[in-house]
Amino acid sequence: MNNTNTYNASIISEFVNRLIIEVLGSMALAERGLSEGSPIKPKEPLGPQPDLKASADD
C-alpha cells in the first residue's frame, strides 16, 4: 500500500467514525424527544489556572 492509499484510507476511516457518532447522537436525542442537545461542560476548568503561581525549583 503506498502513501496515497494509506492517507485516503485514513481520511475515509475518520469520516465514517464521525458519521457513526453523529447518527448515534441524533438517534439518542430523537429517542428523548429532543431536536438538539447541550454541550457537556467539565466540573472544573481544564488547563493551567491563571491565579496559581508556579513554584521555583530550588
C-alpha atoms as a PDB file:
ATOM      1  CA  MET A   1       0.000   0.000   0.000  1.00  0.00           C
ATOM      2  CA  ASN A   2       1.507   3.334  -0.952  1.00  0.00           C
ATOM      3  CA  ASN A   3       1.273   6.605   0.950  1.00  0.00           C
ATOM      4  CA  THR A   4      -1.656   7.937  -1.082  1.00  0.00           C
ATOM      5  CA  ASN A   5      -3.763   4.864  -0.379  1.00  0.00           C
ATOM      6  CA  THR A   6      -2.877   4.979   3.305  1.00  0.00           C
ATOM      7  CA  TYR A   7      -3.787   8.658   3.511  1.00  0.00           C
ATOM      8  CA  ASN A   8      -7.103   8.132   1.698  1.00  0.00           C
ATOM      9  CA  ALA A   9      -7.993   5.164   3.901  1.00  0.00           C
ATOM     10  CA  SER A  10      -7.256   7.245   6.992  1.00  0.00           C
ATOM     11  CA  ILE A  11      -9.460  10.110   5.814  1.00  0.00           C
ATOM     12  CA  ILE A  12     -12.325   7.754   4.975  1.00  0.00           C
ATOM     13  CA  SER A  13     -11.995   5.977   8.302  1.00  0.00           C
ATOM     14  CA  GLU A  14     -12.159   9.257  10.240  1.00  0.00           C
ATOM     15  CA  PHE A  15     -15.166  10.369   8.184  1.00  0.00           C
ATOM     16  CA  VAL A  16     -17.008   7.106   8.866  1.00  0.00           C
ATOM     17  CA  ASN A  17     -16.229   7.294  12.600  1.00  0.00           C
ATOM     18  CA  ARG A  18     -17.594  10.849  12.747  1.00  0.00           C
ATOM     19  CA  LEU A  19     -20.686   9.835  10.780  1.00  0.00           C
ATOM     20  CA  ILE A  20     -21.406   6.963  13.173  1.00  0.00           C
ATOM     21  CA  ILE A  21     -21.080   9.281  16.185  1.00  0.00           C
ATOM     22  CA  GLU A  22     -23.395  11.845  14.592  1.00  0.00           C
ATOM     23  CA  VAL A  23     -26.036   9.237  13.719  1.00  0.00           C
ATOM     24  CA  LEU A  24     -25.966   7.597  17.156  1.00  0.00           C
ATOM     25  CA  GLY A  25     -26.138  11.005  18.833  1.00  0.00           C
ATOM     26  CA  SER A  26     -29.107  12.121  16.767  1.00  0.00           C
ATOM     27  CA  MET A  27     -30.868   8.815  17.448  1.00  0.00           C
ATOM     28  CA  ALA A  28     -30.348   9.252  21.193  1.00  0.00           C
ATOM     29  CA  LEU A  29     -31.739  12.800  21.032  1.00  0.00           C
ATOM     30  CA  ALA A  30     -34.745  11.666  18.971  1.00  0.00           C
ATOM     31  CA  GLU A  31     -35.431   8.904  21.493  1.00  0.00           C
ATOM     32  CA  ARG A  32     -35.715  11.575  24.191  1.00  0.00           C
ATOM     33  CA  GLY A  33     -37.876  13.789  22.008  1.00  0.00           C
ATOM     34  CA  LEU A  34     -35.199  16.450  21.561  1.00  0.00           C
ATOM     35  CA  SER A  35     -34.028  18.120  18.375  1.00  0.00           C
ATOM     36  CA  GLU A  36     -30.693  19.316  19.793  1.00  0.00           C
ATOM     37  CA  GLY A  37     -28.561  18.776  22.855  1.00  0.00           C
ATOM     38  CA  SER A  38     -26.445  20.945  25.095  1.00  0.00           C
ATOM     39  CA  PRO A  39     -22.668  20.561  25.375  1.00  0.00           C
ATOM     40  CA  ILE A  40     -21.190  18.682  28.308  1.00  0.00           C
ATOM     41  CA  LYS A  41     -19.106  21.004  30.458  1.00  0.00           C
ATOM     42  CA  PRO A  42     -16.388  19.809  32.851  1.00  0.00           C
ATOM     43  CA  LYS A  43     -16.978  20.361  36.574  1.00  0.00           C
ATOM     44  CA  GLU A  44     -13.574  22.025  36.922  1.00  0.00           C
ATOM     45  CA  PRO A  45     -11.860  24.153  34.267  1.00  0.00           C
ATOM     46  CA  LEU A  46      -9.225  22.334  32.245  1.00  0.00           C
ATOM     47  CA  GLY A  47      -5.684  23.534  31.759  1.00  0.00           C
ATOM     48  CA  PRO A  48      -3.422  25.682  33.920  1.00  0.00           C
ATOM     49  CA  GLN A  49      -5.053  28.015  36.397  1.00  0.00           C
ATOM     50  CA  PRO A  50      -4.098  31.688  35.834  1.00  0.00           C
ATOM     51  CA  ASP A  51      -4.259  32.620  39.544  1.00  0.00           C
ATOM     52  CA  LEU A  52      -1.818  29.900  40.644  1.00  0.00           C
ATOM     53  CA  LYS A  53       1.868  30.758  40.584  1.00  0.00           C
ATOM     54  CA  ALA A  54       4.396  28.100  39.735  1.00  0.00           C
ATOM     55  CA  SER A  55       6.910  27.467  42.489  1.00  0.00           C
ATOM     56  CA  ALA A  56      10.581  27.737  41.636  1.00  0.00           C
ATOM     57  CA  ASP A  57      12.633  24.543  41.724  1.00  0.00           C
ATOM     58  CA  ASP A  58      15.389  25.273  44.219  1.00  0.00           C
END
